[in-house]
Amino acid sequence: MTLQSAGNWRVLWLAMVTSCWATIALAQQPEPDAFLNQQRVITDMIRAEREKLAPATQRVELDYGGYLSFYTLLYDDGIESSRTLRRTDLRLWSRLSLDRGAHEFYVRSRLSYLDYNGGDQFEIDEENDTEGMNLERGFYKFDLARANAAYGGGSLGYNVEFKVGRDFTEFGTGYVLSTPLDQVWIRGTYRDVQVTGLFGRTIGSSQDFDLSRNPERTRRNFAGAEVRYTGFERHRPFAYVLWQDDQISDNVPGWLQNYEYDSFYVGVGSLGEIVPNLSYSTEWVFQTGRSYGDRRTQRKNRINAWAWDIELEYLFDHPMRPRVGVEYMFASGEDDRVDSPTDSLGGVSRGLRDESFIGFGYRDTGLSFAPRLSNIHIWRMGASFFPFPDHERLRGLELGTNWFLYYKHRHRAAVSDPLATVPSGYLGWEMDYFANWQVSSDLSATARLGTFFPGRAFEDQTTRTFLLVGMTWSF
């Protein structure tokens, strides 16, 4: 909605004050990688909808609103036979656009309530917990081309965009970096070349990948640059470099263990269309750097790791919009990491080389098993369609499935699931099913079911089930 009355100003003021004075949630006890990936599934399902911003058509435009979502999760993690979590999130956002989008101010706060069944929580004696209000997003963005157009200038032939604040950031296809950061971001575009620069820091309340540490706040700095070429009709190749500097201070320093993981990434890839309706994306990464291994206080390990991802998807010309896709994900592992693919304590204990890939990106690796992309091969095959394209109420219903096959890269080495203790390469397979329903313009619902069948790498062969049902109301 746009600015029309003093009442609208009062609502905007309340939303902005709530966001700007939001407190950051205190760091919690480490939670398993699979649980964090499962929470990311919830976030990604509504992120695209939340991020929609109304087009800037006036010199001054004001928008505000909110989202209320409720999800229930029932899942097995291999330790507890069943856990139940109910999660409610309230998000309030406001956006101010000046000079037809040349200047943009955006804030979004989040208040969350997590309610576990008795005994299912990860923290002792905390069956429910409130998080927030937290500042989830908050930034200022400037667009030179829009500023020039707003004041009657002609076409520039180039553009410069600048952003400072807290926002979601992604390099390449998101295999190495796909996360919110407090950042300074700048992008220059000249003809068919686009160059993006980034200086950022992790949000202090986020959980670190090294679960053996006890940090007061997560502090990892990032600096990087990405180049994209947009001159091809069907292809968008890219290349980037990214530095990550560990600045975490631990509450309880280890007497026989130092913690520091500094990494550098070089990535290349492309997105596009091979033939009409057949799209692809791929990213190839080499990682180097320095880190401390298990019970190391002086000499560091040299990181020498690699990873890649290839995905194909075909969209059929049919009213039901059926699509099928296949994907292969790989992340290297280190033979000497027999306890953890990511932790310092229990990590590399012999030699000074570490080939275990550790990134800050994201991929859908399954609902139930949900492993981290380290020391792993993953094959995925999926399909979806809209079964009722002509039905007034059900035309927004989408049904789909994804099937996964998991293998270790190094058979002796660990993966993110600590229960995979048998030195075997076969981790297992999983089948996932989902239903997404856009009930109306402001109400959506989802249901997701995943079952993981452990392979020979697990002593316990009991299947694990993940069920999620929920809805989101926007206002």
Protein backbone atom coordinates (compact mmCIF):
# COMPACT_ATOMS: atom_id res chain seq x y z
CA MET A 1 0.00 0.00 0.00
CA THR A 2 1.17 3.59 -0.51
CA LEU A 3 1.30 6.60 1.80
CA GLN A 4 -2.17 8.12 2.00
CA SER A 5 -2.98 9.18 5.56
CA ALA A 6 -1.60 10.00 8.96
CA GLY A 7 -2.83 6.62 10.14
CA ASN A 8 -0.50 4.97 7.65
CA TRP A 9 2.39 7.00 9.04
CA ARG A 10 1.63 5.74 12.56
CA VAL A 11 1.72 2.11 11.39
CA LEU A 12 4.96 2.68 9.51
CA TRP A 13 6.54 4.38 12.53
CA LEU A 14 5.59 1.44 14.77
CA ALA A 15 7.02 -1.11 12.32
CA MET A 16 10.28 0.78 11.84
CA VAL A 17 10.83 1.47 15.54
CA THR A 18 10.12 -2.16 16.36
CA SER A 19 12.68 -3.28 13.78
CA CYS A 20 15.43 -0.80 14.58
CA TRP A 21 15.33 -1.47 18.31
CA ALA A 22 15.10 -5.25 17.89
CA THR A 23 17.47 -7.23 20.09
CA ILE A 24 19.65 -10.05 18.80
CA ALA A 25 18.91 -13.47 20.29
CA LEU A 26 21.62 -14.92 22.53
CA ALA A 27 23.71 -17.77 21.17
CA GLN A 28 22.10 -21.13 21.94
CA GLN A 29 23.49 -24.54 22.55
CA PRO A 30 24.81 -26.18 19.36
CA GLU A 31 22.11 -27.93 17.37
CA PRO A 32 22.76 -30.68 14.80
CA ASP A 33 23.50 -29.74 11.20
CA ALA A 34 20.42 -31.64 10.05
CA PHE A 35 18.17 -29.58 12.36
CA LEU A 36 19.67 -26.33 11.06
CA ASN A 37 19.14 -27.45 7.46
CA GLN A 38 15.55 -28.38 8.27
CA GLN A 39 14.98 -24.87 9.64
CA ARG A 40 16.50 -23.51 6.43
CA VAL A 41 13.84 -25.40 4.46
CA ILE A 42 11.17 -23.37 6.29
CA THR A 43 13.01 -20.12 5.66
CA ASP A 44 13.49 -20.77 1.95
CA MET A 45 9.87 -21.76 1.37
CA ILE A 46 8.65 -18.25 2.15
CA ARG A 47 11.80 -16.17 1.50
CA ALA A 48 10.92 -15.42 -2.12
CA GLU A 49 7.45 -14.28 -1.10
CA ARG A 50 8.77 -12.14 1.77
CA GLU A 51 11.42 -10.51 -0.41
CA LYS A 52 8.92 -9.20 -2.98
CA LEU A 53 9.03 -5.43 -3.13
CA ALA A 54 6.45 -3.33 -4.94
CA PRO A 55 7.73 -1.56 -8.08
CA ALA A 56 8.88 2.02 -7.62
CA THR A 57 6.68 4.21 -9.82
CA GLN A 58 6.56 7.40 -7.75
CA ARG A 59 9.18 9.72 -6.32
CA VAL A 60 8.11 8.78 -2.79
CA GLU A 61 6.62 5.38 -2.08
CA LEU A 62 5.98 3.77 1.26
CA ASP A 63 5.10 0.10 1.81
CA TYR A 64 4.66 -1.88 4.99
CA GLY A 65 3.16 -5.15 6.12
CA GLY A 66 3.89 -8.43 7.80
CA TYR A 67 3.86 -12.22 7.68
CA LEU A 68 2.59 -14.68 10.27
CA SER A 69 3.64 -18.30 9.78
CA PHE A 70 3.03 -21.42 11.81
CA TYR A 71 4.76 -24.77 11.30
CA THR A 72 4.63 -28.12 13.07
CA LEU A 73 7.60 -30.50 12.65
CA LEU A 74 7.70 -34.16 13.66
CA TYR A 75 11.03 -35.83 12.99
CA ASP A 76 13.55 -38.51 14.01
CA ASP A 77 17.21 -37.55 14.36
CA GLY A 78 18.61 -41.01 15.11
CA ILE A 79 19.08 -40.13 18.79
CA GLU A 80 15.50 -39.48 19.87
CA SER A 81 12.94 -41.77 18.27
CA SER A 82 10.71 -38.75 17.74
CA ARG A 83 10.83 -35.00 18.31
CA THR A 84 7.96 -32.55 17.92
CA LEU A 85 8.41 -28.82 17.42
CA ARG A 86 5.83 -26.12 16.79
CA ARG A 87 7.27 -22.87 15.44
CA THR A 88 5.48 -19.53 15.06
CA ASP A 89 7.12 -16.56 13.34
CA LEU A 90 5.85 -13.00 13.15
CA ARG A 91 7.63 -10.69 10.71
CA LEU A 92 6.98 -6.97 10.31
CA TRP A 93 8.52 -5.06 7.43
CA SER A 94 8.56 -1.58 5.98
CA ARG A 95 10.10 -0.11 2.84
CA LEU A 96 10.64 3.50 1.83
CA SER A 97 11.54 4.28 -1.79
CA LEU A 98 12.62 7.75 -2.93
CA ASP A 99 13.16 9.16 -6.41
CA ARG A 100 11.60 6.22 -8.25
CA GLY A 101 13.74 3.63 -6.52
CA ALA A 102 17.04 5.53 -6.55
CA HIS A 103 17.10 5.38 -2.73
CA GLU A 104 15.62 2.44 -0.87
CA PHE A 105 15.34 1.84 2.88
CA TYR A 106 14.15 -1.56 4.08
CA VAL A 107 13.74 -3.10 7.55
CA ARG A 108 12.22 -6.39 8.71
CA SER A 109 12.00 -7.72 12.25
CA ARG A 110 11.16 -11.24 13.43
CA LEU A 111 9.62 -12.59 16.61
CA SER A 112 9.70 -16.39 16.95
CA TYR A 113 8.15 -18.81 19.42
CA LEU A 114 9.50 -22.39 19.55
CA ASP A 115 7.44 -24.94 21.44
CA TYR A 116 8.77 -28.50 21.91
CA ASN A 117 7.00 -31.48 23.37
CA GLY A 118 8.33 -32.38 26.81
CA GLY A 119 11.81 -33.92 26.56
CA ASP A 120 12.19 -33.21 22.83
CA GLN A 121 14.16 -29.96 23.16
CA PHE A 122 17.93 -29.71 22.56
CA GLU A 123 18.45 -27.56 25.64
CA ILE A 124 17.69 -28.97 29.08
CA ASP A 125 14.58 -27.62 30.83
CA GLU A 126 13.57 -25.39 27.92
CA GLU A 127 10.47 -26.86 26.33
CA ASN A 128 9.63 -23.49 24.77
CA ASP A 129 11.59 -20.41 23.90
CA THR A 130 10.95 -16.94 22.51
CA GLU A 131 13.47 -15.40 20.11
CA GLY A 132 13.36 -11.68 19.37
CA MET A 133 12.27 -9.24 18.34
CA ASN A 134 15.33 -9.60 16.09
CA LEU A 135 16.45 -7.44 13.21
CA GLU A 136 16.27 -9.93 10.35
CA ARG A 137 16.91 -7.48 7.49
CA GLY A 138 17.80 -3.81 7.44
CA PHE A 139 19.62 -1.92 4.69
CA TYR A 140 19.93 1.19 2.54
CA LYS A 141 20.39 0.79 -1.23
CA PHE A 142 21.29 3.35 -3.91
CA ASP A 143 20.81 2.87 -7.67
CA LEU A 144 22.63 5.34 -9.93
CA ALA A 145 20.67 4.56 -13.11
CA ARG A 146 17.33 5.12 -11.36
CA ALA A 147 18.60 8.34 -9.81
CA ASN A 148 19.67 9.60 -13.22
CA ALA A 149 16.26 8.71 -14.73
CA ALA A 150 14.38 10.33 -11.84
CA TYR A 151 16.00 13.67 -12.55
CA GLY A 152 15.55 13.59 -16.31
CA GLY A 153 18.94 12.26 -17.34
CA GLY A 154 19.46 10.14 -20.42
CA SER A 155 20.65 6.56 -20.60
CA LEU A 156 23.99 6.12 -18.87
CA GLY A 157 25.15 2.93 -20.57
CA TYR A 158 26.37 1.73 -17.20
CA ASN A 159 25.09 1.48 -13.63
CA VAL A 160 26.37 1.45 -10.05
CA GLU A 161 24.39 0.00 -7.15
CA PHE A 162 25.42 0.31 -3.52
CA LYS A 163 23.97 -1.37 -0.42
CA VAL A 164 24.91 -1.22 3.27
CA GLY A 165 23.22 -3.10 6.11
CA ARG A 166 21.91 -6.58 6.88
CA ASP A 167 20.63 -8.63 3.96
CA PHE A 168 20.74 -12.04 2.32
CA THR A 169 23.84 -12.55 0.16
CA GLU A 170 24.70 -15.13 -2.48
CA PHE A 171 27.71 -15.71 -4.75
CA GLY A 172 27.46 -17.87 -7.85
CA THR A 173 24.62 -20.37 -7.45
CA GLY A 174 24.95 -20.27 -3.66
CA TYR A 175 27.11 -23.38 -3.22
CA VAL A 176 29.84 -21.55 -1.27
CA LEU A 177 28.01 -18.47 0.03
CA SER A 178 24.26 -18.19 0.59
CA THR A 179 23.51 -16.54 3.92
CA PRO A 180 22.46 -13.26 5.58
CA LEU A 181 25.38 -10.93 6.39
CA ASP A 182 25.99 -7.48 7.84
CA GLN A 183 27.61 -6.06 4.74
CA VAL A 184 28.77 -3.39 2.38
CA TRP A 185 27.85 -4.43 -1.15
CA ILE A 186 28.57 -2.67 -4.45
CA ARG A 187 27.76 -3.71 -8.02
CA GLY A 188 28.91 -2.11 -11.24
CA THR A 189 27.42 -2.92 -14.64
CA TYR A 190 28.93 -1.87 -17.96
CA ARG A 191 27.40 -3.24 -21.15
CA ASP A 192 27.41 -7.05 -20.71
CA VAL A 193 29.74 -7.26 -17.71
CA GLN A 194 28.59 -7.15 -14.10
CA VAL A 195 31.08 -6.90 -11.21
CA THR A 196 30.01 -7.31 -7.57
CA GLY A 197 32.14 -6.54 -4.52
CA LEU A 198 31.37 -7.65 -0.96
CA PHE A 199 32.64 -6.86 2.54
CA GLY A 200 30.58 -8.57 5.21
CA ARG A 201 30.36 -10.26 8.59
CA THR A 202 28.23 -13.09 9.92
CA ILE A 203 25.33 -12.18 12.18
CA GLY A 204 26.53 -12.69 15.74
CA SER A 205 23.58 -14.84 16.85
CA SER A 206 24.01 -17.36 14.01
CA GLN A 207 25.46 -20.78 14.81
CA ASP A 208 28.97 -21.59 13.62
CA PHE A 209 29.82 -24.74 11.64
CA ASP A 210 32.45 -25.76 14.25
CA LEU A 211 30.25 -27.26 16.97
CA SER A 212 33.25 -28.04 19.20
CA ARG A 213 33.70 -24.33 19.94
CA ASN A 214 31.99 -22.26 22.63
CA PRO A 215 31.86 -18.75 21.18
CA GLU A 216 30.18 -15.73 22.72
CA ARG A 217 29.29 -14.47 19.23
CA THR A 218 29.90 -15.83 15.73
CA ARG A 219 32.34 -13.48 13.99
CA ARG A 220 33.57 -14.42 10.52
CA ASN A 221 34.52 -11.69 8.06
CA PHE A 222 34.04 -12.02 4.30
CA ALA A 223 35.54 -10.18 1.34
CA GLY A 224 34.98 -11.14 -2.25
CA ALA A 225 34.35 -10.20 -5.85
CA GLU A 226 32.22 -11.80 -8.54
CA VAL A 227 32.15 -11.21 -12.31
CA ARG A 228 29.19 -12.19 -14.49
CA TYR A 229 28.84 -11.96 -18.26
CA THR A 230 25.32 -11.35 -19.59
CA GLY A 231 26.07 -11.00 -23.30
CA PHE A 232 25.09 -14.54 -24.29
CA GLU A 233 21.48 -15.18 -25.20
CA ARG A 234 21.06 -18.33 -23.09
CA HIS A 235 24.00 -18.45 -20.71
CA ARG A 236 25.16 -16.44 -17.70
CA PRO A 237 28.71 -17.52 -16.80
CA PHE A 238 30.35 -16.25 -13.62
CA ALA A 239 33.60 -16.42 -11.67
CA TYR A 240 34.42 -15.26 -8.14
CA VAL A 241 36.97 -15.16 -5.36
CA LEU A 242 35.99 -15.12 -1.69
CA TRP A 243 38.04 -14.72 1.49
CA GLN A 244 36.77 -15.77 4.94
CA ASP A 245 38.60 -14.61 8.07
CA ASP A 246 37.88 -16.26 11.46
CA GLN A 247 37.47 -13.58 14.17
CA ILE A 248 35.57 -15.67 16.73
CA SER A 249 36.44 -15.30 20.44
CA ASP A 250 35.70 -18.42 22.48
CA ASN A 251 34.18 -18.18 25.96
CA VAL A 252 36.28 -21.10 27.22
CA PRO A 253 39.63 -21.24 25.39
CA GLY A 254 41.07 -24.74 25.11
CA TRP A 255 44.40 -25.33 26.83
CA LEU A 256 45.38 -28.00 24.34
CA GLN A 257 43.34 -26.78 21.38
CA ASN A 258 43.41 -23.61 19.28
CA TYR A 259 40.45 -22.69 17.08
CA GLU A 260 40.86 -20.79 13.85
CA TYR A 261 39.61 -21.52 10.34
CA ASP A 262 40.59 -19.08 7.59
CA SER A 263 39.57 -20.05 4.06
CA PHE A 264 39.80 -18.81 0.47
CA TYR A 265 37.57 -19.91 -2.42
CA VAL A 266 37.84 -19.68 -6.20
CA GLY A 267 34.66 -20.55 -8.07
CA VAL A 268 33.42 -20.67 -11.66
CA GLY A 269 30.10 -21.68 -13.11
CA SER A 270 27.13 -20.76 -15.23
CA LEU A 271 23.34 -20.63 -15.34
CA GLY A 272 21.22 -20.77 -18.44
CA GLU A 273 19.32 -22.81 -20.98
CA ILE A 274 20.79 -25.59 -23.14
CA VAL A 275 17.75 -25.85 -25.41
CA PRO A 276 14.27 -24.35 -24.99
CA ASN A 277 12.73 -25.48 -21.67
CA LEU A 278 15.92 -27.30 -20.56
CA SER A 279 17.70 -25.13 -17.98
CA TYR A 280 20.94 -25.82 -16.14
CA SER A 281 23.14 -24.50 -13.36
CA THR A 282 26.64 -25.52 -12.35
CA GLU A 283 29.33 -24.33 -9.95
CA TRP A 284 32.91 -25.60 -9.45
CA VAL A 285 34.93 -24.57 -6.40
CA PHE A 286 38.49 -24.88 -5.15
CA GLN A 287 39.16 -24.10 -1.49
CA THR A 288 42.42 -23.38 0.30
CA GLY A 289 43.44 -21.70 3.57
CA ARG A 290 44.72 -22.53 7.05
CA SER A 291 43.15 -24.12 10.12
CA TYR A 292 43.98 -25.82 13.42
CA GLY A 293 43.54 -29.58 13.59
CA ASP A 294 42.74 -31.82 16.55
CA ARG A 295 44.81 -30.91 19.69
CA ARG A 296 46.85 -28.36 17.74
CA THR A 297 48.04 -25.13 19.36
CA GLN A 298 50.96 -24.07 17.16
CA ARG A 299 51.09 -25.41 13.61
CA LYS A 300 48.11 -25.09 11.30
CA ASN A 301 46.80 -27.43 8.63
CA ARG A 302 46.78 -26.37 5.00
CA ILE A 303 43.31 -26.60 3.48
CA ASN A 304 43.15 -28.17 0.03
CA ALA A 305 39.53 -29.00 -0.81
CA TRP A 306 37.13 -28.87 -3.74
CA ALA A 307 33.43 -29.18 -4.56
CA TRP A 308 30.98 -28.89 -7.42
CA ASP A 309 27.29 -29.01 -8.31
CA ILE A 310 25.47 -29.75 -11.59
CA GLU A 311 21.70 -29.42 -12.05
CA LEU A 312 19.38 -29.91 -15.04
CA GLU A 313 15.66 -29.15 -15.13
CA TYR A 314 13.12 -29.57 -17.93
CA LEU A 315 9.79 -27.73 -17.99
CA PHE A 316 7.11 -29.29 -20.19
CA ASP A 317 4.71 -27.20 -22.30
CA HIS A 318 1.53 -28.34 -20.61
CA PRO A 319 -1.20 -26.60 -18.56
CA MET A 320 -0.16 -28.64 -15.51
CA ARG A 321 3.37 -27.22 -15.77
CA PRO A 322 5.15 -30.52 -15.05
CA ARG A 323 8.90 -30.31 -14.50
CA VAL A 324 11.59 -32.89 -13.87
CA GLY A 325 15.10 -32.32 -12.57
CA VAL A 326 18.31 -34.10 -11.72
CA GLU A 327 21.26 -32.85 -9.66
CA TYR A 328 24.66 -34.05 -8.55
CA MET A 329 26.37 -32.48 -5.52
CA PHE A 330 29.92 -33.20 -4.39
CA ALA A 331 32.12 -31.94 -1.56
CA SER A 332 35.52 -33.44 -0.78
CA GLY A 333 36.47 -35.13 2.48
CA GLU A 334 39.60 -35.83 4.51
CA ASP A 335 40.57 -39.43 5.44
CA ASP A 336 42.00 -38.30 8.78
CA ARG A 337 38.77 -36.62 9.90
CA VAL A 338 37.18 -39.69 11.49
CA ASP A 339 35.13 -37.81 14.12
CA SER A 340 33.86 -34.69 12.36
CA PRO A 341 34.11 -33.16 8.86
CA THR A 342 33.98 -29.60 10.23
CA ASP A 343 35.07 -29.40 13.89
CA SER A 344 38.59 -28.51 15.05
CA LEU A 345 38.40 -30.72 18.12
CA GLY A 346 38.17 -34.27 16.78
CA GLY A 347 39.20 -33.13 13.31
CA VAL A 348 42.53 -33.66 11.51
CA SER A 349 44.92 -35.44 13.92
CA ARG A 350 47.78 -36.50 11.60
CA GLY A 351 49.76 -34.55 9.06
CA LEU A 352 49.15 -30.94 8.10
CA ARG A 353 46.71 -31.28 5.21
CA ASP A 354 42.93 -30.94 5.36
CA GLU A 355 40.90 -31.90 2.28
CA SER A 356 37.49 -31.55 3.93
CA PHE A 357 35.37 -28.95 2.14
CA ILE A 358 33.59 -26.41 4.34
CA GLY A 359 31.48 -23.68 2.79
CA PHE A 360 28.78 -21.20 3.79
CA GLY A 361 26.27 -22.03 1.07
CA TYR A 362 23.09 -24.06 0.87
CA ARG A 363 21.50 -26.85 -1.15
CA ASP A 364 18.44 -29.00 -0.55
CA THR A 365 20.11 -32.21 0.67
CA GLY A 366 16.93 -33.91 1.87
CA LEU A 367 14.33 -33.26 4.53
CA SER A 368 15.20 -36.01 7.01
CA PHE A 369 18.93 -36.82 6.62
CA ALA A 370 19.82 -33.24 5.59
CA PRO A 371 23.63 -33.66 5.65
CA ARG A 372 26.14 -30.83 5.40
CA LEU A 373 28.02 -30.53 2.10
CA SER A 374 31.29 -32.07 3.26
CA ASN A 375 32.82 -35.49 2.44
CA ILE A 376 29.81 -36.47 0.40
CA HIS A 377 28.34 -37.39 -2.99
CA ILE A 378 24.62 -36.66 -3.41
CA TRP A 379 22.45 -37.58 -6.39
CA ARG A 380 18.97 -36.05 -6.53
CA MET A 381 16.06 -36.71 -8.90
CA GLY A 382 12.78 -34.81 -8.62
CA ALA A 383 9.53 -33.86 -10.32
CA SER A 384 6.53 -31.61 -9.68
CA PHE A 385 3.31 -30.45 -11.35
CA PHE A 386 0.07 -28.48 -10.78
CA PRO A 387 -2.71 -31.09 -11.07
CA PHE A 388 -5.70 -28.69 -11.21
CA PRO A 389 -4.76 -25.79 -13.51
CA ASP A 390 -8.40 -24.94 -14.33
CA HIS A 391 -9.89 -25.29 -10.85
CA GLU A 392 -10.64 -21.94 -9.22
CA ARG A 393 -9.65 -23.03 -5.69
CA LEU A 394 -6.94 -25.59 -6.46
CA ARG A 395 -5.08 -24.04 -9.38
CA GLY A 396 -2.33 -22.93 -6.97
CA LEU A 397 -1.73 -26.47 -5.63
CA GLU A 398 1.65 -27.98 -6.53
CA LEU A 399 2.62 -31.61 -5.85
CA GLY A 400 6.14 -32.97 -6.10
CA THR A 401 8.81 -35.40 -4.98
CA ASN A 402 12.60 -35.59 -4.60
CA TRP A 403 14.68 -38.76 -4.24
CA PHE A 404 18.25 -38.73 -2.91
CA LEU A 405 21.19 -41.17 -2.90
CA TYR A 406 24.11 -40.54 -0.50
CA TYR A 407 27.71 -41.79 -0.56
CA LYS A 408 30.83 -40.67 1.28
CA HIS A 409 33.82 -39.31 -0.65
CA ARG A 410 36.28 -40.83 1.86
CA HIS A 411 34.88 -44.05 3.32
CA ARG A 412 36.81 -43.85 6.62
CA ALA A 413 36.06 -40.18 7.19
CA ALA A 414 33.14 -38.65 9.05
CA VAL A 415 30.08 -36.88 7.68
CA SER A 416 27.94 -34.34 9.52
CA ASP A 417 25.73 -37.06 11.06
CA PRO A 418 27.71 -38.37 14.07
CA LEU A 419 25.87 -41.72 13.97
CA ALA A 420 27.49 -42.74 10.67
CA THR A 421 30.34 -44.48 12.52
CA VAL A 422 30.90 -47.55 10.31
CA PRO A 423 33.78 -47.10 7.80
CA SER A 424 31.55 -47.70 4.79
CA GLY A 425 30.88 -45.41 1.87
CA TYR A 426 27.15 -46.12 1.51
CA LEU A 427 25.17 -43.64 3.64
CA GLY A 428 21.70 -44.51 2.40
CA TRP A 429 18.84 -43.01 0.41
CA GLU A 430 15.80 -40.82 1.00
CA MET A 431 12.44 -40.08 -0.58
CA ASP A 432 10.69 -36.74 -0.03
CA TYR A 433 7.20 -35.60 -1.02
CA PHE A 434 5.71 -32.11 -0.85
CA ALA A 435 2.50 -30.17 -1.47
CA ASN A 436 2.50 -26.38 -1.76
CA TRP A 437 -0.83 -24.58 -2.02
CA GLN A 438 -1.33 -20.89 -2.73
CA VAL A 439 -4.79 -20.75 -1.19
CA SER A 440 -5.27 -17.04 -1.88
CA SER A 441 -3.16 -13.96 -2.54
CA ASP A 442 -2.34 -13.65 1.16
CA LEU A 443 -2.52 -17.26 2.43
CA SER A 444 -0.32 -20.23 1.53
CA ALA A 445 0.00 -23.72 3.01
CA THR A 446 2.57 -26.50 2.74
CA ALA A 447 3.09 -30.12 3.75
CA ARG A 448 6.39 -32.03 3.41
CA LEU A 449 7.21 -35.63 4.21
CA GLY A 450 10.66 -37.21 4.05
CA THR A 451 11.91 -40.70 4.96
CA PHE A 452 15.61 -41.59 5.20
CA PHE A 453 16.76 -45.22 4.88
CA PRO A 454 20.25 -45.58 6.47
CA GLY A 455 22.95 -47.47 4.60
CA ARG A 456 25.88 -49.60 5.74
CA ALA A 457 27.64 -46.57 7.30
CA PHE A 458 25.07 -46.68 10.14
CA GLU A 459 24.88 -49.37 12.81
CA ASP A 460 21.27 -48.40 13.50
CA GLN A 461 19.24 -49.22 10.38
CA THR A 462 16.00 -47.69 11.69
CA THR A 463 14.36 -45.41 9.14
CA ARG A 464 14.02 -41.72 10.01
CA THR A 465 10.90 -39.72 9.18
CA PHE A 466 10.42 -35.97 8.85
CA LEU A 467 6.97 -34.35 8.60
CA LEU A 468 6.26 -30.65 8.27
CA VAL A 469 2.89 -28.92 7.92
CA GLY A 470 2.31 -25.21 8.08
CA MET A 471 0.86 -22.04 6.66
CA THR A 472 1.80 -18.41 6.09
CA TRP A 473 -0.55 -15.43 6.18
CA SER A 474 0.62 -12.11 4.78
CA PHE A 475 -0.94 -8.78 5.69
